[in-house]
PDB file of N, CA and C in Angstrom:
ATOM      1  N   UNK A   1      -7.108  -0.755  12.370  1.00  0.00           N
ATOM      2  CA  UNK A   1      -5.795  -0.170  12.232  1.00  0.00           C
ATOM      3  C   UNK A   1      -5.817   1.327  12.511  1.00  0.00           C
ATOM      4  N   UNK A   2      -6.835   1.762  13.172  1.00  0.00           N
ATOM      5  CA  UNK A   2      -6.916   3.175  13.533  1.00  0.00           C
ATOM      6  C   UNK A   2      -5.807   3.500  14.523  1.00  0.00           C
ATOM      7  N   UNK A   3      -5.287   4.705  14.421  1.00  0.00           N
ATOM      8  CA  UNK A   3      -4.287   5.164  15.352  1.00  0.00           C
ATOM      9  C   UNK A   3      -2.861   4.857  14.945  1.00  0.00           C
ATOM     10  N   UNK A   4      -2.672   4.080  13.887  1.00  0.00           N
ATOM     11  CA  UNK A   4      -1.321   3.788  13.435  1.00  0.00           C
ATOM     12  C   UNK A   4      -0.752   4.988  12.694  1.00  0.00           C
ATOM     13  N   UNK A   5       0.542   5.187  12.841  1.00  0.00           N
ATOM     14  CA  UNK A   5       1.230   6.164  12.001  1.00  0.00           C
ATOM     15  C   UNK A   5       1.185   5.645  10.566  1.00  0.00           C
ATOM     16  N   UNK A   6       1.285   6.552   9.603  1.00  0.00           N
ATOM     17  CA  UNK A   6       1.277   6.118   8.205  1.00  0.00           C
ATOM     18  C   UNK A   6       2.410   5.137   7.918  1.00  0.00           C
ATOM     19  N   UNK A   7       3.560   5.365   8.529  1.00  0.00           N
ATOM     20  CA  UNK A   7       4.682   4.447   8.316  1.00  0.00           C
ATOM     21  C   UNK A   7       4.347   3.050   8.821  1.00  0.00           C
ATOM     22  N   UNK A   8       3.657   2.963   9.942  1.00  0.00           N
ATOM     23  CA  UNK A   8       3.260   1.664  10.482  1.00  0.00           C
ATOM     24  C   UNK A   8       2.220   1.003   9.586  1.00  0.00           C
ATOM     25  N   UNK A   9       1.268   1.790   9.116  1.00  0.00           N
ATOM     26  CA  UNK A   9       0.246   1.263   8.226  1.00  0.00           C
ATOM     27  C   UNK A   9       0.881   0.748   6.938  1.00  0.00           C
ATOM     28  N   UNK A  10       1.778   1.527   6.370  1.00  0.00           N
ATOM     29  CA  UNK A  10       2.464   1.109   5.146  1.00  0.00           C
ATOM     30  C   UNK A  10       3.270  -0.163   5.378  1.00  0.00           C
ATOM     31  N   UNK A  11       3.919  -0.264   6.522  1.00  0.00           N
ATOM     32  CA  UNK A  11       4.679  -1.470   6.843  1.00  0.00           C
ATOM     33  C   UNK A  11       3.792  -2.684   7.003  1.00  0.00           C
ATOM     34  N   UNK A  12       2.665  -2.506   7.659  1.00  0.00           N
ATOM     35  CA  UNK A  12       1.718  -3.605   7.844  1.00  0.00           C
ATOM     36  C   UNK A  12       1.157  -4.050   6.504  1.00  0.00           C
ATOM     37  N   UNK A  13       0.730  -3.089   5.708  1.00  0.00           N
ATOM     38  CA  UNK A  13       0.154  -3.432   4.401  1.00  0.00           C
ATOM     39  C   UNK A  13       1.177  -4.089   3.487  1.00  0.00           C
ATOM     40  N   UNK A  14       2.435  -3.722   3.589  1.00  0.00           N
ATOM     41  CA  UNK A  14       3.468  -4.295   2.720  1.00  0.00           C
ATOM     42  C   UNK A  14       3.602  -5.798   2.894  1.00  0.00           C
ATOM     43  N   UNK A  15       3.152  -6.309   4.032  1.00  0.00           N
ATOM     44  CA  UNK A  15       3.226  -7.744   4.318  1.00  0.00           C
ATOM     45  C   UNK A  15       1.855  -8.419   4.281  1.00  0.00           C
ATOM     46  N   UNK A  16       0.820  -7.650   3.960  1.00  0.00           N
ATOM     47  CA  UNK A  16      -0.553  -8.157   3.997  1.00  0.00           C
ATOM     48  C   UNK A  16      -0.944  -8.752   2.641  1.00  0.00           C
ATOM     49  N   UNK A  17      -1.426  -9.997   2.659  1.00  0.00           N
ATOM     50  CA  UNK A  17      -1.776 -10.678   1.407  1.00  0.00           C
ATOM     51  C   UNK A  17      -2.904  -9.971   0.655  1.00  0.00           C
ATOM     52  N   UNK A  18      -3.835  -9.353   1.362  1.00  0.00           N
ATOM     53  CA  UNK A  18      -4.910  -8.627   0.679  1.00  0.00           C
ATOM     54  C   UNK A  18      -4.367  -7.393  -0.043  1.00  0.00           C
ATOM     55  N   UNK A  19      -3.454  -6.678   0.587  1.00  0.00           N
ATOM     56  CA  UNK A  19      -2.849  -5.513  -0.068  1.00  0.00           C
ATOM     57  C   UNK A  19      -2.035  -5.954  -1.277  1.00  0.00           C
ATOM     58  N   UNK A  20      -1.324  -7.050  -1.138  1.00  0.00           N
ATOM     59  CA  UNK A  20      -0.543  -7.576  -2.261  1.00  0.00           C
ATOM     60  C   UNK A  20      -1.477  -7.970  -3.408  1.00  0.00           C
ATOM     61  N   UNK A  21      -2.614  -8.574  -3.084  1.00  0.00           N
ATOM     62  CA  UNK A  21      -3.601  -8.915  -4.120  1.00  0.00           C
ATOM     63  C   UNK A  21      -4.114  -7.653  -4.804  1.00  0.00           C
ATOM     64  N   UNK A  22      -4.336  -6.597  -4.028  1.00  0.00           N
ATOM     65  CA  UNK A  22      -4.756  -5.307  -4.592  1.00  0.00           C
ATOM     66  C   UNK A  22      -3.716  -4.797  -5.589  1.00  0.00           C
ATOM     67  N   UNK A  23      -2.453  -4.809  -5.206  1.00  0.00           N
ATOM     68  CA  UNK A  23      -1.406  -4.339  -6.116  1.00  0.00           C
ATOM     69  C   UNK A  23      -1.379  -5.176  -7.386  1.00  0.00           C
ATOM     70  N   UNK A  24      -1.477  -6.489  -7.233  1.00  0.00           N
ATOM     71  CA  UNK A  24      -1.444  -7.372  -8.397  1.00  0.00           C
ATOM     72  C   UNK A  24      -2.652  -7.167  -9.299  1.00  0.00           C
ATOM     73  N   UNK A  25      -3.783  -6.791  -8.725  1.00  0.00           N
ATOM     74  CA  UNK A  25      -5.004  -6.594  -9.509  1.00  0.00           C
ATOM     75  C   UNK A  25      -5.079  -5.217 -10.151  1.00  0.00           C
ATOM     76  N   UNK A  26      -4.444  -4.225  -9.545  1.00  0.00           N
ATOM     77  CA  UNK A  26      -4.661  -2.854 -10.012  1.00  0.00           C
ATOM     78  C   UNK A  26      -3.416  -2.146 -10.530  1.00  0.00           C
ATOM     79  N   UNK A  27      -2.248  -2.563 -10.114  1.00  0.00           N
ATOM     80  CA  UNK A  27      -1.019  -1.861 -10.501  1.00  0.00           C
ATOM     81  C   UNK A  27      -0.260  -2.664 -11.545  1.00  0.00           C
ATOM     82  N   UNK A  28       0.105  -3.863 -11.168  1.00  0.00           N
ATOM     83  CA  UNK A  28       0.912  -4.735 -12.011  1.00  0.00           C
ATOM     84  C   UNK A  28       0.969  -6.094 -11.329  1.00  0.00           C
ATOM     85  N   UNK A  29       1.352  -7.090 -12.055  1.00  0.00           N
ATOM     86  CA  UNK A  29       1.501  -8.398 -11.433  1.00  0.00           C
ATOM     87  C   UNK A  29       2.919  -8.563 -10.922  1.00  0.00           C
ATOM     88  N   UNK A  30       3.111  -9.587 -10.127  1.00  0.00           N
ATOM     89  CA  UNK A  30       4.438  -9.914  -9.640  1.00  0.00           C
ATOM     90  C   UNK A  30       4.762  -9.441  -8.246  1.00  0.00           C
ATOM     91  N   UNK A  31       3.813  -8.767  -7.570  1.00  0.00           N
ATOM     92  CA  UNK A  31       4.070  -8.346  -6.195  1.00  0.00           C
ATOM     93  C   UNK A  31       3.914  -9.536  -5.260  1.00  0.00           C
ATOM     94  N   UNK A  32       4.728  -9.571  -4.231  1.00  0.00           N
ATOM     95  CA  UNK A  32       4.641 -10.629  -3.241  1.00  0.00           C
ATOM     96  C   UNK A  32       5.771 -10.511  -2.244  1.00  0.00           C
ATOM     97  N   UNK A  33       5.911 -11.551  -1.440  1.00  0.00           N
ATOM     98  CA  UNK A  33       6.926 -11.547  -0.390  1.00  0.00           C
ATOM     99  C   UNK A  33       8.096 -12.468  -0.702  1.00  0.00           C
ATOM    100  N   UNK A  34       8.030 -13.153  -1.838  1.00  0.00           N
ATOM    101  CA  UNK A  34       9.084 -14.088  -2.203  1.00  0.00           C
ATOM    102  C   UNK A  34      10.287 -13.395  -2.820  1.00  0.00           C
ATOM    103  N   UNK A  35      11.400 -14.123  -2.913  1.00  0.00           N
ATOM    104  CA  UNK A  35      12.640 -13.525  -3.415  1.00  0.00           C
ATOM    105  C   UNK A  35      12.559 -13.090  -4.881  1.00  0.00           C
ATOM    106  N   UNK A  36      11.712 -13.711  -5.670  1.00  0.00           N
ATOM    107  CA  UNK A  36      11.594 -13.364  -7.086  1.00  0.00           C
ATOM    108  C   UNK A  36      10.397 -12.466  -7.371  1.00  0.00           C
ATOM    109  N   UNK A  37       9.829 -11.887  -6.321  1.00  0.00           N
ATOM    110  CA  UNK A  37       8.644 -11.056  -6.486  1.00  0.00           C
ATOM    111  C   UNK A  37       8.966  -9.600  -6.173  1.00  0.00           C
ATOM    112  N   UNK A  38       8.128  -8.717  -6.713  1.00  0.00           N
ATOM    113  CA  UNK A  38       8.302  -7.284  -6.471  1.00  0.00           C
ATOM    114  C   UNK A  38       7.871  -6.954  -5.042  1.00  0.00           C
ATOM    115  N   UNK A  39       8.656  -6.127  -4.384  1.00  0.00           N
ATOM    116  CA  UNK A  39       8.412  -5.766  -2.986  1.00  0.00           C
ATOM    117  C   UNK A  39       7.316  -4.699  -2.899  1.00  0.00           C
ATOM    118  N   UNK A  40       6.207  -4.994  -2.205  1.00  0.00           N
ATOM    119  CA  UNK A  40       5.150  -3.993  -2.046  1.00  0.00           C
ATOM    120  C   UNK A  40       5.657  -2.700  -1.396  1.00  0.00           C
ATOM    121  N   UNK A  41       6.609  -2.808  -0.488  1.00  0.00           N
ATOM    122  CA  UNK A  41       7.159  -1.612   0.166  1.00  0.00           C
ATOM    123  C   UNK A  41       7.859  -0.711  -0.845  1.00  0.00           C
ATOM    124  N   UNK A  42       8.521  -1.303  -1.838  1.00  0.00           N
ATOM    125  CA  UNK A  42       9.157  -0.498  -2.886  1.00  0.00           C
ATOM    126  C   UNK A  42       8.118   0.308  -3.652  1.00  0.00           C
ATOM    127  N   UNK A  43       6.972  -0.309  -3.910  1.00  0.00           N
ATOM    128  CA  UNK A  43       5.907   0.403  -4.622  1.00  0.00           C
ATOM    129  C   UNK A  43       5.424   1.601  -3.801  1.00  0.00           C
ATOM    130  N   UNK A  44       5.236   1.399  -2.516  1.00  0.00           N
ATOM    131  CA  UNK A  44       4.790   2.500  -1.652  1.00  0.00           C
ATOM    132  C   UNK A  44       5.819   3.624  -1.656  1.00  0.00           C
ATOM    133  N   UNK A  45       7.086   3.276  -1.466  1.00  0.00           N
ATOM    134  CA  UNK A  45       8.137   4.306  -1.436  1.00  0.00           C
ATOM    135  C   UNK A  45       8.232   5.051  -2.765  1.00  0.00           C
ATOM    136  N   UNK A  46       8.198   4.330  -3.868  1.00  0.00           N
ATOM    137  CA  UNK A  46       8.339   5.012  -5.160  1.00  0.00           C
ATOM    138  C   UNK A  46       7.108   5.852  -5.486  1.00  0.00           C
ATOM    139  N   UNK A  47       5.924   5.356  -5.181  1.00  0.00           N
ATOM    140  CA  UNK A  47       4.704   6.121  -5.444  1.00  0.00           C
ATOM    141  C   UNK A  47       4.690   7.409  -4.633  1.00  0.00           C
ATOM    142  N   UNK A  48       5.094   7.313  -3.378  1.00  0.00           N
ATOM    143  CA  UNK A  48       5.068   8.479  -2.483  1.00  0.00           C
ATOM    144  C   UNK A  48       6.343   9.308  -2.559  1.00  0.00           C
ATOM    145  N   UNK A  49       7.305   8.845  -3.336  1.00  0.00           N
ATOM    146  CA  UNK A  49       8.581   9.545  -3.529  1.00  0.00           C
ATOM    147  C   UNK A  49       9.301   9.798  -2.211  1.00  0.00           C
ATOM    148  N   UNK A  50       9.463   8.714  -1.460  1.00  0.00           N
ATOM    149  CA  UNK A  50      10.193   8.785  -0.199  1.00  0.00           C
ATOM    150  C   UNK A  50      11.278   7.713  -0.192  1.00  0.00           C
ATOM    151  N   UNK A  51      12.309   7.941   0.594  1.00  0.00           N
ATOM    152  CA  UNK A  51      13.384   6.968   0.733  1.00  0.00           C
ATOM    153  C   UNK A  51      13.023   5.893   1.748  1.00  0.00           C
ATOM    154  N   UNK A  52      12.199   6.264   2.713  1.00  0.00           N
ATOM    155  CA  UNK A  52      11.812   5.365   3.794  1.00  0.00           C
ATOM    156  C   UNK A  52      10.330   5.568   4.093  1.00  0.00           C
ATOM    157  N   UNK A  53       9.658   4.508   4.488  1.00  0.00           N
ATOM    158  CA  UNK A  53       8.249   4.658   4.871  1.00  0.00           C
ATOM    159  C   UNK A  53       8.109   5.612   6.048  1.00  0.00           C
ATOM    160  N   UNK A  54       9.126   5.756   6.879  1.00  0.00           N
ATOM    161  CA  UNK A  54       9.074   6.705   8.002  1.00  0.00           C
ATOM    162  C   UNK A  54       8.828   8.130   7.526  1.00  0.00           C
ATOM    163  N   UNK A  55       9.268   8.426   6.295  1.00  0.00           N
ATOM    164  CA  UNK A  55       9.061   9.768   5.749  1.00  0.00           C
ATOM    165  C   UNK A  55       7.580  10.097   5.590  1.00  0.00           C
ATOM    166  N   UNK A  56       6.734   9.094   5.519  1.00  0.00           N
ATOM    167  CA  UNK A  56       5.289   9.342   5.411  1.00  0.00           C
ATOM    168  C   UNK A  56       4.764  10.089   6.634  1.00  0.00           C
ATOM    169  N   UNK A  57       5.450   9.948   7.762  1.00  0.00           N
ATOM    170  CA  UNK A  57       5.019  10.597   9.005  1.00  0.00           C
ATOM    171  C   UNK A  57       5.468  12.057   9.100  1.00  0.00           C
ATOM    172  N   UNK A  58       6.431  12.453   8.272  1.00  0.00           N
ATOM    173  CA  UNK A  58       6.998  13.801   8.404  1.00  0.00           C
ATOM    174  C   UNK A  58       6.906  14.646   7.135  1.00  0.00           C
ATOM    175  N   UNK A  59       6.621  14.028   6.014  1.00  0.00           N
ATOM    176  CA  UNK A  59       6.544  14.747   4.739  1.00  0.00           C
ATOM    177  C   UNK A  59       5.074  14.904   4.356  1.00  0.00           C
ATOM    178  N   UNK A  60       4.529  16.110   4.481  1.00  0.00           N
ATOM    179  CA  UNK A  60       3.098  16.306   4.215  1.00  0.00           C
ATOM    180  C   UNK A  60       2.674  15.899   2.804  1.00  0.00           C
ATOM    181  N   UNK A  61       3.505  16.178   1.804  1.00  0.00           N
ATOM    182  CA  UNK A  61       3.139  15.809   0.429  1.00  0.00           C
ATOM    183  C   UNK A  61       3.122  14.290   0.264  1.00  0.00           C
ATOM    184  N   UNK A  62       4.076  13.608   0.879  1.00  0.00           N
ATOM    185  CA  UNK A  62       4.104  12.147   0.813  1.00  0.00           C
ATOM    186  C   UNK A  62       2.870  11.556   1.489  1.00  0.00           C
ATOM    187  N   UNK A  63       2.452  12.148   2.591  1.00  0.00           N
ATOM    188  CA  UNK A  63       1.255  11.675   3.296  1.00  0.00           C
ATOM    189  C   UNK A  63       0.015  11.843   2.426  1.00  0.00           C
ATOM    190  N   UNK A  64      -0.079  12.972   1.736  1.00  0.00           N
ATOM    191  CA  UNK A  64      -1.217  13.199   0.838  1.00  0.00           C
ATOM    192  C   UNK A  64      -1.190  12.188  -0.303  1.00  0.00           C
ATOM    193  N   UNK A  65      -0.021  11.977  -0.879  1.00  0.00           N
ATOM    194  CA  UNK A  65       0.109  11.012  -1.970  1.00  0.00           C
ATOM    195  C   UNK A  65      -0.268   9.617  -1.500  1.00  0.00           C
ATOM    196  N   UNK A  66       0.179   9.233  -0.315  1.00  0.00           N
ATOM    197  CA  UNK A  66      -0.177   7.923   0.232  1.00  0.00           C
ATOM    198  C   UNK A  66      -1.692   7.797   0.342  1.00  0.00           C
ATOM    199  N   UNK A  67      -2.328   8.833   0.847  1.00  0.00           N
ATOM    200  CA  UNK A  67      -3.780   8.800   1.028  1.00  0.00           C
ATOM    201  C   UNK A  67      -4.507   8.711  -0.310  1.00  0.00           C
ATOM    202  N   UNK A  68      -4.111   9.537  -1.263  1.00  0.00           N
ATOM    203  CA  UNK A  68      -4.817   9.626  -2.547  1.00  0.00           C
ATOM    204  C   UNK A  68      -4.483   8.460  -3.479  1.00  0.00           C
ATOM    205  N   UNK A  69      -3.215   8.076  -3.537  1.00  0.00           N
ATOM    206  CA  UNK A  69      -2.781   7.081  -4.516  1.00  0.00           C
ATOM    207  C   UNK A  69      -2.769   5.651  -3.996  1.00  0.00           C
ATOM    208  N   UNK A  70      -2.754   5.483  -2.671  1.00  0.00           N
ATOM    209  CA  UNK A  70      -2.654   4.126  -2.127  1.00  0.00           C
ATOM    210  C   UNK A  70      -3.808   3.809  -1.188  1.00  0.00           C
ATOM    211  N   UNK A  71      -3.971   4.577  -0.132  1.00  0.00           N
ATOM    212  CA  UNK A  71      -4.968   4.227   0.883  1.00  0.00           C
ATOM    213  C   UNK A  71      -6.394   4.225   0.328  1.00  0.00           C
ATOM    214  N   UNK A  72      -6.814   5.315  -0.285  1.00  0.00           N
ATOM    215  CA  UNK A  72      -8.199   5.390  -0.773  1.00  0.00           C
ATOM    216  C   UNK A  72      -8.489   4.353  -1.856  1.00  0.00           C
ATOM    217  N   UNK A  73      -7.608   4.186  -2.858  1.00  0.00           N
ATOM    218  CA  UNK A  73      -7.881   3.133  -3.842  1.00  0.00           C
ATOM    219  C   UNK A  73      -7.922   1.732  -3.221  1.00  0.00           C
ATOM    220  N   UNK A  74      -7.039   1.467  -2.263  1.00  0.00           N
ATOM    221  CA  UNK A  74      -7.052   0.155  -1.609  1.00  0.00           C
ATOM    222  C   UNK A  74      -8.337  -0.046  -0.816  1.00  0.00           C
ATOM    223  N   UNK A  75      -8.778   0.972  -0.114  1.00  0.00           N
ATOM    224  CA  UNK A  75     -10.019   0.855   0.659  1.00  0.00           C
ATOM    225  C   UNK A  75     -11.218   0.613  -0.268  1.00  0.00           C
ATOM    226  N   UNK A  76     -11.266   1.314  -1.403  1.00  0.00           N
ATOM    227  CA  UNK A  76     -12.355   1.098  -2.372  1.00  0.00           C
ATOM    228  C   UNK A  76     -12.314  -0.323  -2.910  1.00  0.00           C
ATOM    229  N   UNK A  77     -11.125  -0.781  -3.280  1.00  0.00           N
ATOM    230  CA  UNK A  77     -10.953  -2.128  -3.819  1.00  0.00           C
ATOM    231  C   UNK A  77     -11.371  -3.175  -2.785  1.00  0.00           C
ATOM    232  N   UNK A  78     -10.937  -3.004  -1.543  1.00  0.00           N
ATOM    233  CA  UNK A  78     -11.277  -3.956  -0.480  1.00  0.00           C
ATOM    234  C   UNK A  78     -12.784  -3.988  -0.249  1.00  0.00           C
ATOM    235  N   UNK A  79     -13.426  -2.831  -0.287  1.00  0.00           N
ATOM    236  CA  UNK A  79     -14.878  -2.763  -0.115  1.00  0.00           C
ATOM    237  C   UNK A  79     -15.589  -3.485  -1.256  1.00  0.00           C
ATOM    238  N   UNK A  80     -15.122  -3.291  -2.472  1.00  0.00           N
ATOM    239  CA  UNK A  80     -15.714  -3.984  -3.616  1.00  0.00           C
ATOM    240  C   UNK A  80     -15.556  -5.491  -3.472  1.00  0.00           C
ATOM    241  N   UNK A  81     -14.416  -5.934  -2.994  1.00  0.00           N
ATOM    242  CA  UNK A  81     -14.187  -7.370  -2.795  1.00  0.00           C
ATOM    243  C   UNK A  81     -15.124  -7.929  -1.734  1.00  0.00           C
ATOM    244  N   UNK A  82     -15.355  -7.162  -0.673  1.00  0.00           N
ATOM    245  CA  UNK A  82     -16.280  -7.624   0.372  1.00  0.00           C
ATOM    246  C   UNK A  82     -17.709  -7.691  -0.152  1.00  0.00           C
ATOM    247  N   UNK A  83     -18.086  -6.726  -0.995  1.00  0.00           N
ATOM    248  CA  UNK A  83     -19.448  -6.681  -1.521  1.00  0.00           C
ATOM    249  C   UNK A  83     -19.683  -7.665  -2.655  1.00  0.00           C
ATOM    250  N   UNK A  84     -18.627  -8.036  -3.362  1.00  0.00           N
ATOM    251  CA  UNK A  84     -18.719  -8.968  -4.492  1.00  0.00           C
ATOM    252  C   UNK A  84     -17.655 -10.044  -4.340  1.00  0.00           C
ATOM    253  N   UNK A  85     -17.849 -10.994  -3.438  1.00  0.00           N
ATOM    254  CA  UNK A  85     -16.791 -11.962  -3.139  1.00  0.00           C
ATOM    255  C   UNK A  85     -16.428 -12.893  -4.295  1.00  0.00           C
ATOM    256  N   UNK A  86     -17.227 -12.960  -5.327  1.00  0.00           N
ATOM    257  CA  UNK A  86     -16.898 -13.856  -6.451  1.00  0.00           C
ATOM    258  C   UNK A  86     -16.226 -13.117  -7.516  1.00  0.00           C
TER     259      UNK A  86
END
């Protein structure tokens, strides 16, 4: 996923089952893509304090927040899952 704008990355992750599993494991339960589930995109927007994921591409503070609060923790979690699959 190298070369994607942050907004594109956030959009892709919002629909990714692994990212949703990360949110359910580390933030709260109930995230998913179904009508009765919490929208992962809402979590990204509220955490980064933006109205639209597109703002991640133009708001430097939102980009930093995305990196520190979402991207890095997700990457660490994904690495741990790969190293400890059980």
